[in-house]
Amino acid sequence: GVSLPIQLKKNREFEVNLCNISAGGMLISTEHILPIGQTFSFSYE
């Protein structure tokens, strides 16, 4: 039940579901199709 807004290039932004997280990475789920190697940024409160 944790939603996380992520920011892609060209100001593209949408929310994903945060499934798990560690200090090195995380697992997210979404309906959006993203390629391997895609980078993005987010604010973690």
ModelCIF file with pLDDT and N, C-alpha, C, O atoms, coordinates in Angstrom:
data_MODEL
#
_entry.id   MODEL 
#
_entity.id                         1 
_entity.type                       polymer 
_entity.pdbx_number_of_molecules   1 
#
_entity_poly.entity_id                      1 
_entity_poly.type                           'polypeptide(L)' 
_entity_poly.nstd_linkage                   no 
_entity_poly.nstd_monomer                   no 
_entity_poly.pdbx_seq_one_letter_code       GVSLPIQLKKNREFEVNLCNISAGGMLISTEHILPIGQTFSFSYE 
_entity_poly.pdbx_seq_one_letter_code_can   GVSLPIQLKKNREFEVNLCNISAGGMLISTEHILPIGQTFSFSYE 
_entity_poly.pdbx_strand_id                 A 
#
loop_
_entity_poly_seq.entity_id 
_entity_poly_seq.num 
_entity_poly_seq.mon_id 
_entity_poly_seq.hetero 
1 1  GLY n 
1 2  VAL n 
1 3  SER n 
1 4  LEU n 
1 5  PRO n 
1 6  ILE n 
1 7  GLN n 
1 8  LEU n 
1 9  LYS n 
1 10 LYS n 
1 11 ASN n 
1 12 ARG n 
1 13 GLU n 
1 14 PHE n 
1 15 GLU n 
1 16 VAL n 
1 17 ASN n 
1 18 LEU n 
1 19 CYS n 
1 20 ASN n 
1 21 ILE n 
1 22 SER n 
1 23 ALA n 
1 24 GLY n 
1 25 GLY n 
1 26 MET n 
1 27 LEU n 
1 28 ILE n 
1 29 SER n 
1 30 THR n 
1 31 GLU n 
1 32 HIS n 
1 33 ILE n 
1 34 LEU n 
1 35 PRO n 
1 36 ILE n 
1 37 GLY n 
1 38 GLN n 
1 39 THR n 
1 40 PHE n 
1 41 SER n 
1 42 PHE n 
1 43 SER n 
1 44 TYR n 
1 45 GLU n 
#
_struct_asym.id          A 
_struct_asym.entity_id   1 
#
loop_
_ma_qa_metric.id 
_ma_qa_metric.mode 
_ma_qa_metric.name 
_ma_qa_metric.software_group_id 
_ma_qa_metric.type 
1 global pLDDT . pLDDT 
2 local  pLDDT . pLDDT 
#
_ma_qa_metric_global.metric_id      1 
_ma_qa_metric_global.metric_value   91.76 
_ma_qa_metric_global.model_id       1 
_ma_qa_metric_global.ordinal_id     1 
#
loop_
_ma_qa_metric_local.label_asym_id 
_ma_qa_metric_local.label_comp_id 
_ma_qa_metric_local.label_seq_id 
_ma_qa_metric_local.metric_id 
_ma_qa_metric_local.metric_value 
_ma_qa_metric_local.model_id 
_ma_qa_metric_local.ordinal_id 
A GLY 1  2 85.00 1 1  
A VAL 2  2 90.00 1 2  
A SER 3  2 93.00 1 3  
A LEU 4  2 94.00 1 4  
A PRO 5  2 95.00 1 5  
A ILE 6  2 95.00 1 6  
A GLN 7  2 94.00 1 7  
A LEU 8  2 93.00 1 8  
A LYS 9  2 81.00 1 9  
A LYS 10 2 76.00 1 10 
A ASN 11 2 79.00 1 11 
A ARG 12 2 87.00 1 12 
A GLU 13 2 91.00 1 13 
A PHE 14 2 93.00 1 14 
A GLU 15 2 94.00 1 15 
A VAL 16 2 95.00 1 16 
A ASN 17 2 95.00 1 17 
A LEU 18 2 95.00 1 18 
A CYS 19 2 93.00 1 19 
A ASN 20 2 93.00 1 20 
A ILE 21 2 92.00 1 21 
A SER 22 2 89.00 1 22 
A ALA 23 2 86.00 1 23 
A GLY 24 2 87.00 1 24 
A GLY 25 2 92.00 1 25 
A MET 26 2 94.00 1 26 
A LEU 27 2 95.00 1 27 
A ILE 28 2 96.00 1 28 
A SER 29 2 95.00 1 29 
A THR 30 2 94.00 1 30 
A GLU 31 2 93.00 1 31 
A HIS 32 2 92.00 1 32 
A ILE 33 2 90.00 1 33 
A LEU 34 2 92.00 1 34 
A PRO 35 2 92.00 1 35 
A ILE 36 2 91.00 1 36 
A GLY 37 2 92.00 1 37 
A GLN 38 2 93.00 1 38 
A THR 39 2 94.00 1 39 
A PHE 40 2 96.00 1 40 
A SER 41 2 96.00 1 41 
A PHE 42 2 96.00 1 42 
A SER 43 2 95.00 1 43 
A TYR 44 2 94.00 1 44 
A GLU 45 2 92.00 1 45 
#
loop_
_atom_site.group_PDB 
_atom_site.id 
_atom_site.type_symbol 
_atom_site.label_atom_id 
_atom_site.label_alt_id 
_atom_site.label_comp_id 
_atom_site.label_asym_id 
_atom_site.label_entity_id 
_atom_site.label_seq_id 
_atom_site.pdbx_PDB_ins_code 
_atom_site.Cartn_x 
_atom_site.Cartn_y 
_atom_site.Cartn_z 
_atom_site.occupancy 
_atom_site.B_iso_or_equiv 
_atom_site.pdbx_formal_charge 
_atom_site.auth_seq_id 
_atom_site.auth_comp_id 
_atom_site.auth_asym_id 
_atom_site.auth_atom_id 
_atom_site.pdbx_PDB_model_num 
ATOM 1   N N  . GLY A 1 1  ? 0.781  -1.232 0.000   1.00 85.00 ? 1  GLY A N  1 
ATOM 2   C CA . GLY A 1 1  ? 0.000  0.000  0.000   1.00 85.00 ? 1  GLY A CA 1 
ATOM 3   C C  . GLY A 1 1  ? 0.807  1.272  0.000   1.00 85.00 ? 1  GLY A C  1 
ATOM 4   O O  . GLY A 1 1  ? 0.323  2.313  0.446   1.00 85.00 ? 1  GLY A O  1 
ATOM 5   N N  . VAL A 1 2  ? 2.052  1.211  -0.500  1.00 90.00 ? 2  VAL A N  1 
ATOM 6   C CA . VAL A 1 2  ? 2.920  2.394  -0.529  1.00 90.00 ? 2  VAL A CA 1 
ATOM 7   C C  . VAL A 1 2  ? 3.074  2.871  -1.973  1.00 90.00 ? 2  VAL A C  1 
ATOM 8   O O  . VAL A 1 2  ? 3.610  2.149  -2.815  1.00 90.00 ? 2  VAL A O  1 
ATOM 9   N N  . SER A 1 3  ? 2.605  4.082  -2.257  1.00 93.00 ? 3  SER A N  1 
ATOM 10  C CA . SER A 1 3  ? 2.751  4.684  -3.581  1.00 93.00 ? 3  SER A CA 1 
ATOM 11  C C  . SER A 1 3  ? 3.977  5.583  -3.605  1.00 93.00 ? 3  SER A C  1 
ATOM 12  O O  . SER A 1 3  ? 4.277  6.275  -2.632  1.00 93.00 ? 3  SER A O  1 
ATOM 13  N N  . LEU A 1 4  ? 4.683  5.562  -4.738  1.00 94.00 ? 4  LEU A N  1 
ATOM 14  C CA . LEU A 1 4  ? 5.923  6.328  -4.849  1.00 94.00 ? 4  LEU A CA 1 
ATOM 15  C C  . LEU A 1 4  ? 5.955  7.055  -6.190  1.00 94.00 ? 4  LEU A C  1 
ATOM 16  O O  . LEU A 1 4  ? 6.006  6.401  -7.232  1.00 94.00 ? 4  LEU A O  1 
ATOM 17  N N  . PRO A 1 5  ? 5.926  8.385  -6.196  1.00 95.00 ? 5  PRO A N  1 
ATOM 18  C CA . PRO A 1 5  ? 6.067  9.119  -7.470  1.00 95.00 ? 5  PRO A CA 1 
ATOM 19  C C  . PRO A 1 5  ? 7.515  9.038  -7.960  1.00 95.00 ? 5  PRO A C  1 
ATOM 20  O O  . PRO A 1 5  ? 8.444  9.292  -7.194  1.00 95.00 ? 5  PRO A O  1 
ATOM 21  N N  . ILE A 1 6  ? 7.707  8.685  -9.236  1.00 95.00 ? 6  ILE A N  1 
ATOM 22  C CA . ILE A 1 6  ? 9.051  8.657  -9.814  1.00 95.00 ? 6  ILE A CA 1 
ATOM 23  C C  . ILE A 1 6  ? 9.122  9.643  -10.976 1.00 95.00 ? 6  ILE A C  1 
ATOM 24  O O  . ILE A 1 6  ? 8.121  9.922  -11.635 1.00 95.00 ? 6  ILE A O  1 
ATOM 25  N N  . GLN A 1 7  ? 10.320 10.163 -11.213 1.00 94.00 ? 7  GLN A N  1 
ATOM 26  C CA . GLN A 1 7  ? 10.547 11.193 -12.230 1.00 94.00 ? 7  GLN A CA 1 
ATOM 27  C C  . GLN A 1 7  ? 11.485 10.651 -13.293 1.00 94.00 ? 7  GLN A C  1 
ATOM 28  O O  . GLN A 1 7  ? 12.636 10.330 -12.997 1.00 94.00 ? 7  GLN A O  1 
ATOM 29  N N  . LEU A 1 8  ? 11.002 10.545 -14.544 1.00 93.00 ? 8  LEU A N  1 
ATOM 30  C CA . LEU A 1 8  ? 11.829 10.132 -15.665 1.00 93.00 ? 8  LEU A CA 1 
ATOM 31  C C  . LEU A 1 8  ? 12.326 11.371 -16.401 1.00 93.00 ? 8  LEU A C  1 
ATOM 32  O O  . LEU A 1 8  ? 12.042 12.500 -15.999 1.00 93.00 ? 8  LEU A O  1 
ATOM 33  N N  . LYS A 1 9  ? 13.063 11.153 -17.470 1.00 81.00 ? 9  LYS A N  1 
ATOM 34  C CA . LYS A 1 9  ? 13.545 12.275 -18.268 1.00 81.00 ? 9  LYS A CA 1 
ATOM 35  C C  . LYS A 1 9  ? 12.373 12.995 -18.935 1.00 81.00 ? 9  LYS A C  1 
ATOM 36  O O  . LYS A 1 9  ? 11.277 12.448 -19.052 1.00 81.00 ? 9  LYS A O  1 
ATOM 37  N N  . LYS A 1 10 ? 12.621 14.215 -19.362 1.00 76.00 ? 10 LYS A N  1 
ATOM 38  C CA . LYS A 1 10 ? 11.634 15.058 -20.048 1.00 76.00 ? 10 LYS A CA 1 
ATOM 39  C C  . LYS A 1 10 ? 10.401 15.306 -19.180 1.00 76.00 ? 10 LYS A C  1 
ATOM 40  O O  . LYS A 1 10 ? 9.282  15.425 -19.679 1.00 76.00 ? 10 LYS A O  1 
ATOM 41  N N  . ASN A 1 11 ? 10.636 15.380 -17.859 1.00 79.00 ? 11 ASN A N  1 
ATOM 42  C CA . ASN A 1 11 ? 9.587  15.718 -16.897 1.00 79.00 ? 11 ASN A CA 1 
ATOM 43  C C  . ASN A 1 11 ? 8.426  14.730 -16.887 1.00 79.00 ? 11 ASN A C  1 
ATOM 44  O O  . ASN A 1 11 ? 7.321  15.078 -16.471 1.00 79.00 ? 11 ASN A O  1 
ATOM 45  N N  . ARG A 1 12 ? 8.664  13.514 -17.337 1.00 87.00 ? 12 ARG A N  1 
ATOM 46  C CA . ARG A 1 12 ? 7.626  12.483 -17.268 1.00 87.00 ? 12 ARG A CA 1 
ATOM 47  C C  . ARG A 1 12 ? 7.579  11.935 -15.841 1.00 87.00 ? 12 ARG A C  1 
ATOM 48  O O  . ARG A 1 12 ? 8.595  11.500 -15.299 1.00 87.00 ? 12 ARG A O  1 
ATOM 49  N N  . GLU A 1 13 ? 6.401  11.961 -15.248 1.00 91.00 ? 13 GLU A N  1 
ATOM 50  C CA . GLU A 1 13 ? 6.269  11.535 -13.849 1.00 91.00 ? 13 GLU A CA 1 
ATOM 51  C C  . GLU A 1 13 ? 4.985  10.731 -13.666 1.00 91.00 ? 13 GLU A C  1 
ATOM 52  O O  . GLU A 1 13 ? 3.939  11.079 -14.214 1.00 91.00 ? 13 GLU A O  1 
ATOM 53  N N  . PHE A 1 14 ? 5.075  9.651  -12.888 1.00 93.00 ? 14 PHE A N  1 
ATOM 54  C CA . PHE A 1 14 ? 3.895  8.892  -12.515 1.00 93.00 ? 14 PHE A CA 1 
ATOM 55  C C  . PHE A 1 14 ? 4.194  8.112  -11.237 1.00 93.00 ? 14 PHE A C  1 
ATOM 56  O O  . PHE A 1 14 ? 5.344  7.997  -10.814 1.00 93.00 ? 14 PHE A O  1 
ATOM 57  N N  . GLU A 1 15 ? 3.126  7.578  -10.631 1.00 94.00 ? 15 GLU A N  1 
ATOM 58  C CA . GLU A 1 15 ? 3.276  6.841  -9.384  1.00 94.00 ? 15 GLU A CA 1 
ATOM 59  C C  . GLU A 1 15 ? 3.420  5.346  -9.649  1.00 94.00 ? 15 GLU A C  1 
ATOM 60  O O  . GLU A 1 15 ? 2.805  4.798  -10.563 1.00 94.00 ? 15 GLU A O  1 
ATOM 61  N N  . VAL A 1 16 ? 4.249  4.700  -8.825  1.00 95.00 ? 16 VAL A N  1 
ATOM 62  C CA . VAL A 1 16 ? 4.408  3.251  -8.853  1.00 95.00 ? 16 VAL A CA 1 
ATOM 63  C C  . VAL A 1 16 ? 4.120  2.708  -7.461  1.00 95.00 ? 16 VAL A C  1 
ATOM 64  O O  . VAL A 1 16 ? 4.077  3.456  -6.484  1.00 95.00 ? 16 VAL A O  1 
ATOM 65  N N  . ASN A 1 17 ? 3.925  1.401  -7.385  1.00 95.00 ? 17 ASN A N  1 
ATOM 66  C CA . ASN A 1 17 ? 3.746  0.751  -6.088  1.00 95.00 ? 17 ASN A CA 1 
ATOM 67  C C  . ASN A 1 17 ? 5.089  0.242  -5.598  1.00 95.00 ? 17 ASN A C  1 
ATOM 68  O O  . ASN A 1 17 ? 5.799  -0.453 -6.325  1.00 95.00 ? 17 ASN A O  1 
ATOM 69  N N  . LEU A 1 18 ? 5.438  0.585  -4.370  1.00 95.00 ? 18 LEU A N  1 
ATOM 70  C CA . LEU A 1 18 ? 6.700  0.145  -3.790  1.00 95.00 ? 18 LEU A CA 1 
ATOM 71  C C  . LEU A 1 18 ? 6.468  -1.194 -3.089  1.00 95.00 ? 18 LEU A C  1 
ATOM 72  O O  . LEU A 1 18 ? 5.747  -1.258 -2.093  1.00 95.00 ? 18 LEU A O  1 
ATOM 73  N N  . CYS A 1 19 ? 7.079  -2.262 -3.609  1.00 93.00 ? 19 CYS A N  1 
ATOM 74  C CA . CYS A 1 19 ? 6.853  -3.623 -3.091  1.00 93.00 ? 19 CYS A CA 1 
ATOM 75  C C  . CYS A 1 19 ? 7.853  -3.999 -2.004  1.00 93.00 ? 19 CYS A C  1 
ATOM 76  O O  . CYS A 1 19 ? 7.478  -4.591 -0.992  1.00 93.00 ? 19 CYS A O  1 
ATOM 77  N N  . ASN A 1 20 ? 9.112  -3.660 -2.206  1.00 93.00 ? 20 ASN A N  1 
ATOM 78  C CA . ASN A 1 20 ? 10.111 -3.838 -1.147  1.00 93.00 ? 20 ASN A CA 1 
ATOM 79  C C  . ASN A 1 20 ? 11.267 -2.882 -1.398  1.00 93.00 ? 20 ASN A C  1 
ATOM 80  O O  . ASN A 1 20 ? 11.420 -2.340 -2.493  1.00 93.00 ? 20 ASN A O  1 
ATOM 81  N N  . ILE A 1 21 ? 12.078 -2.685 -0.365  1.00 92.00 ? 21 ILE A N  1 
ATOM 82  C CA . ILE A 1 21 ? 13.189 -1.735 -0.479  1.00 92.00 ? 21 ILE A CA 1 
ATOM 83  C C  . ILE A 1 21 ? 14.339 -2.199 0.397   1.00 92.00 ? 21 ILE A C  1 
ATOM 84  O O  . ILE A 1 21 ? 14.125 -2.791 1.455   1.00 92.00 ? 21 ILE A O  1 
ATOM 85  N N  . SER A 1 22 ? 15.554 -1.930 -0.046  1.00 89.00 ? 22 SER A N  1 
ATOM 86  C CA . SER A 1 22 ? 16.767 -2.144 0.738   1.00 89.00 ? 22 SER A CA 1 
ATOM 87  C C  . SER A 1 22 ? 17.642 -0.916 0.562   1.00 89.00 ? 22 SER A C  1 
ATOM 88  O O  . SER A 1 22 ? 17.263 0.029  -0.130  1.00 89.00 ? 22 SER A O  1 
ATOM 89  N N  . ALA A 1 23 ? 18.802 -0.928 1.184   1.00 86.00 ? 23 ALA A N  1 
ATOM 90  C CA . ALA A 1 23 ? 19.710 0.210  1.037   1.00 86.00 ? 23 ALA A CA 1 
ATOM 91  C C  . ALA A 1 23 ? 20.342 0.247  -0.346  1.00 86.00 ? 23 ALA A C  1 
ATOM 92  O O  . ALA A 1 23 ? 20.927 1.259  -0.732  1.00 86.00 ? 23 ALA A O  1 
ATOM 93  N N  . GLY A 1 24 ? 20.232 -0.855 -1.101  1.00 87.00 ? 24 GLY A N  1 
ATOM 94  C CA . GLY A 1 24 ? 20.848 -0.903 -2.421  1.00 87.00 ? 24 GLY A CA 1 
ATOM 95  C C  . GLY A 1 24 ? 19.893 -0.852 -3.587  1.00 87.00 ? 24 GLY A C  1 
ATOM 96  O O  . GLY A 1 24 ? 20.319 -0.667 -4.727  1.00 87.00 ? 24 GLY A O  1 
ATOM 97  N N  . GLY A 1 25 ? 18.599 -1.013 -3.324  1.00 92.00 ? 25 GLY A N  1 
ATOM 98  C CA . GLY A 1 25 ? 17.650 -1.026 -4.429  1.00 92.00 ? 25 GLY A CA 1 
ATOM 99  C C  . GLY A 1 25 ? 16.234 -1.282 -3.950  1.00 92.00 ? 25 GLY A C  1 
ATOM 100 O O  . GLY A 1 25 ? 15.962 -1.270 -2.750  1.00 92.00 ? 25 GLY A O  1 
ATOM 101 N N  . MET A 1 26 ? 15.329 -1.515 -4.900  1.00 94.00 ? 26 MET A N  1 
ATOM 102 C CA . MET A 1 26 ? 13.929 -1.719 -4.544  1.00 94.00 ? 26 MET A CA 1 
ATOM 103 C C  . MET A 1 26 ? 13.216 -2.481 -5.653  1.00 94.00 ? 26 MET A C  1 
ATOM 104 O O  . MET A 1 26 ? 13.711 -2.599 -6.774  1.00 94.00 ? 26 MET A O  1 
ATOM 105 N N  . LEU A 1 27 ? 12.037 -2.994 -5.305  1.00 95.00 ? 27 LEU A N  1 
ATOM 106 C CA . LEU A 1 27 ? 11.146 -3.651 -6.257  1.00 95.00 ? 27 LEU A CA 1 
ATOM 107 C C  . LEU A 1 27 ? 9.875  -2.820 -6.351  1.00 95.00 ? 27 LEU A C  1 
ATOM 108 O O  . LEU A 1 27 ? 9.246  -2.522 -5.336  1.00 95.00 ? 27 LEU A O  1 
ATOM 109 N N  . ILE A 1 28 ? 9.495  -2.442 -7.578  1.00 96.00 ? 28 ILE A N  1 
ATOM 110 C CA . ILE A 1 28 ? 8.304  -1.634 -7.786  1.00 96.00 ? 28 ILE A CA 1 
ATOM 111 C C  . ILE A 1 28 ? 7.377  -2.340 -8.767  1.00 96.00 ? 28 ILE A C  1 
ATOM 112 O O  . ILE A 1 28 ? 7.811  -3.217 -9.513  1.00 96.00 ? 28 ILE A O  1 
ATOM 113 N N  . SER A 1 29 ? 6.110  -1.962 -8.767  1.00 95.00 ? 29 SER A N  1 
ATOM 114 C CA . SER A 1 29 ? 5.167  -2.485 -9.754  1.00 95.00 ? 29 SER A CA 1 
ATOM 115 C C  . SER A 1 29 ? 4.369  -1.330 -10.342 1.00 95.00 ? 29 SER A C  1 
ATOM 116 O O  . SER A 1 29 ? 4.106  -0.332 -9.671  1.00 95.00 ? 29 SER A O  1 
ATOM 117 N N  . THR A 1 30 ? 3.983  -1.484 -11.619 1.00 94.00 ? 30 THR A N  1 
ATOM 118 C CA . THR A 1 30 ? 3.250  -0.435 -12.311 1.00 94.00 ? 30 THR A CA 1 
ATOM 119 C C  . THR A 1 30 ? 2.649  -1.007 -13.591 1.00 94.00 ? 30 THR A C  1 
ATOM 120 O O  . THR A 1 30 ? 3.041  -2.082 -14.045 1.00 94.00 ? 30 THR A O  1 
ATOM 121 N N  . GLU A 1 31 ? 1.713  -0.294 -14.157 1.00 93.00 ? 31 GLU A N  1 
ATOM 122 C CA . GLU A 1 31 ? 1.141  -0.673 -15.448 1.00 93.00 ? 31 GLU A CA 1 
ATOM 123 C C  . GLU A 1 31 ? 1.986  -0.163 -16.603 1.00 93.00 ? 31 GLU A C  1 
ATOM 124 O O  . GLU A 1 31 ? 1.788  -0.579 -17.745 1.00 93.00 ? 31 GLU A O  1 
ATOM 125 N N  . HIS A 1 32 ? 2.914  0.721  -16.327 1.00 92.00 ? 32 HIS A N  1 
ATOM 126 C CA . HIS A 1 32 ? 3.736  1.326  -17.374 1.00 92.00 ? 32 HIS A CA 1 
ATOM 127 C C  . HIS A 1 32 ? 4.832  0.364  -17.832 1.00 92.00 ? 32 HIS A C  1 
ATOM 128 O O  . HIS A 1 32 ? 5.410  -0.360 -17.021 1.00 92.00 ? 32 HIS A O  1 
ATOM 129 N N  . ILE A 1 33 ? 5.113  0.362  -19.129 1.00 90.00 ? 33 ILE A N  1 
ATOM 130 C CA . ILE A 1 33 ? 6.184  -0.466 -19.695 1.00 90.00 ? 33 ILE A CA 1 
ATOM 131 C C  . ILE A 1 33 ? 7.472  0.351  -19.720 1.00 90.00 ? 33 ILE A C  1 
ATOM 132 O O  . ILE A 1 33 ? 7.530  1.420  -20.328 1.00 90.00 ? 33 ILE A O  1 
ATOM 133 N N  . LEU A 1 34 ? 8.505  -0.165 -19.053 1.00 92.00 ? 34 LEU A N  1 
ATOM 134 C CA . LEU A 1 34 ? 9.799  0.519  -18.964 1.00 92.00 ? 34 LEU A CA 1 
ATOM 135 C C  . LEU A 1 34 ? 10.901 -0.458 -19.372 1.00 92.00 ? 34 LEU A C  1 
ATOM 136 O O  . LEU A 1 34 ? 10.816 -1.641 -19.043 1.00 92.00 ? 34 LEU A O  1 
ATOM 137 N N  . PRO A 1 35 ? 11.927 0.006  -20.078 1.00 92.00 ? 35 PRO A N  1 
ATOM 138 C CA . PRO A 1 35 ? 12.996 -0.890 -20.530 1.00 92.00 ? 35 PRO A CA 1 
ATOM 139 C C  . PRO A 1 35 ? 14.053 -1.099 -19.445 1.00 92.00 ? 35 PRO A C  1 
ATOM 140 O O  . PRO A 1 35 ? 14.225 -0.262 -18.559 1.00 92.00 ? 35 PRO A O  1 
ATOM 141 N N  . ILE A 1 36 ? 14.752 -2.222 -19.531 1.00 91.00 ? 36 ILE A N  1 
ATOM 142 C CA . ILE A 1 36 ? 15.920 -2.436 -18.680 1.00 91.00 ? 36 ILE A CA 1 
ATOM 143 C C  . ILE A 1 36 ? 16.956 -1.368 -19.020 1.00 91.00 ? 36 ILE A C  1 
ATOM 144 O O  . ILE A 1 36 ? 17.207 -1.082 -20.191 1.00 91.00 ? 36 ILE A O  1 
ATOM 145 N N  . GLY A 1 37 ? 17.544 -0.791 -17.996 1.00 92.00 ? 37 GLY A N  1 
ATOM 146 C CA . GLY A 1 37 ? 18.487 0.303  -18.191 1.00 92.00 ? 37 GLY A CA 1 
ATOM 147 C C  . GLY A 1 37 ? 17.863 1.675  -18.015 1.00 92.00 ? 37 GLY A C  1 
ATOM 148 O O  . GLY A 1 37 ? 18.572 2.678  -17.933 1.00 92.00 ? 37 GLY A O  1 
ATOM 149 N N  . GLN A 1 38 ? 16.518 1.723  -17.957 1.00 93.00 ? 38 GLN A N  1 
ATOM 150 C CA . GLN A 1 38 ? 15.826 2.999  -17.726 1.00 93.00 ? 38 GLN A CA 1 
ATOM 151 C C  . GLN A 1 38 ? 16.226 3.576  -16.364 1.00 93.00 ? 38 GLN A C  1 
ATOM 152 O O  . GLN A 1 38 ? 16.208 2.865  -15.359 1.00 93.00 ? 38 GLN A O  1 
ATOM 153 N N  . THR A 1 39 ? 16.578 4.831  -16.331 1.00 94.00 ? 39 THR A N  1 
ATOM 154 C CA . THR A 1 39 ? 16.916 5.495  -15.075 1.00 94.00 ? 39 THR A CA 1 
ATOM 155 C C  . THR A 1 39 ? 15.810 6.467  -14.690 1.00 94.00 ? 39 THR A C  1 
ATOM 156 O O  . THR A 1 39 ? 15.081 6.973  -15.543 1.00 94.00 ? 39 THR A O  1 
ATOM 157 N N  . PHE A 1 40 ? 15.702 6.714  -13.415 1.00 96.00 ? 40 PHE A N  1 
ATOM 158 C CA . PHE A 1 40 ? 14.714 7.669  -12.909 1.00 96.00 ? 40 PHE A CA 1 
ATOM 159 C C  . PHE A 1 40 ? 15.148 8.135  -11.530 1.00 96.00 ? 40 PHE A C  1 
ATOM 160 O O  . PHE A 1 40 ? 16.078 7.581  -10.943 1.00 96.00 ? 40 PHE A O  1 
ATOM 161 N N  . SER A 1 41 ? 14.482 9.141  -11.021 1.00 96.00 ? 41 SER A N  1 
ATOM 162 C CA . SER A 1 41 ? 14.775 9.652  -9.686  1.00 96.00 ? 41 SER A CA 1 
ATOM 163 C C  . SER A 1 41 ? 13.487 9.720  -8.888  1.00 96.00 ? 41 SER A C  1 
ATOM 164 O O  . SER A 1 41 ? 12.393 9.734  -9.452  1.00 96.00 ? 41 SER A O  1 
ATOM 165 N N  . PHE A 1 42 ? 13.623 9.760  -7.583  1.00 96.00 ? 42 PHE A N  1 
ATOM 166 C CA . PHE A 1 42 ? 12.457 9.874  -6.714  1.00 96.00 ? 42 PHE A CA 1 
ATOM 167 C C  . PHE A 1 42 ? 12.884 10.445 -5.370  1.00 96.00 ? 42 PHE A C  1 
ATOM 168 O O  . PHE A 1 42 ? 14.057 10.411 -5.001  1.00 96.00 ? 42 PHE A O  1 
ATOM 169 N N  . SER A 1 43 ? 11.903 10.967 -4.654  1.00 95.00 ? 43 SER A N  1 
ATOM 170 C CA . SER A 1 43 ? 12.126 11.498 -3.311  1.00 95.00 ? 43 SER A CA 1 
ATOM 171 C C  . SER A 1 43 ? 11.575 10.497 -2.308  1.00 95.00 ? 43 SER A C  1 
ATOM 172 O O  . SER A 1 43 ? 10.397 10.141 -2.357  1.00 95.00 ? 43 SER A O  1 
ATOM 173 N N  . TYR A 1 44 ? 12.424 10.049 -1.409  1.00 94.00 ? 44 TYR A N  1 
ATOM 174 C CA . TYR A 1 44 ? 12.007 9.076  -0.392  1.00 94.00 ? 44 TYR A CA 1 
ATOM 175 C C  . TYR A 1 44 ? 11.930 9.772  0.964   1.00 94.00 ? 44 TYR A C  1 
ATOM 176 O O  . TYR A 1 44 ? 12.942 10.208 1.514   1.00 94.00 ? 44 TYR A O  1 
ATOM 177 N N  . GLU A 1 45 ? 10.726 9.865  1.486   1.00 92.00 ? 45 GLU A N  1 
ATOM 178 C CA . GLU A 1 45 ? 10.494 10.618 2.716   1.00 92.00 ? 45 GLU A CA 1 
ATOM 179 C C  . GLU A 1 45 ? 10.759 9.755  3.952   1.00 92.00 ? 45 GLU A C  1 
ATOM 180 O O  . GLU A 1 45 ? 10.612 10.228 5.078   1.00 92.00 ? 45 GLU A O  1 
#
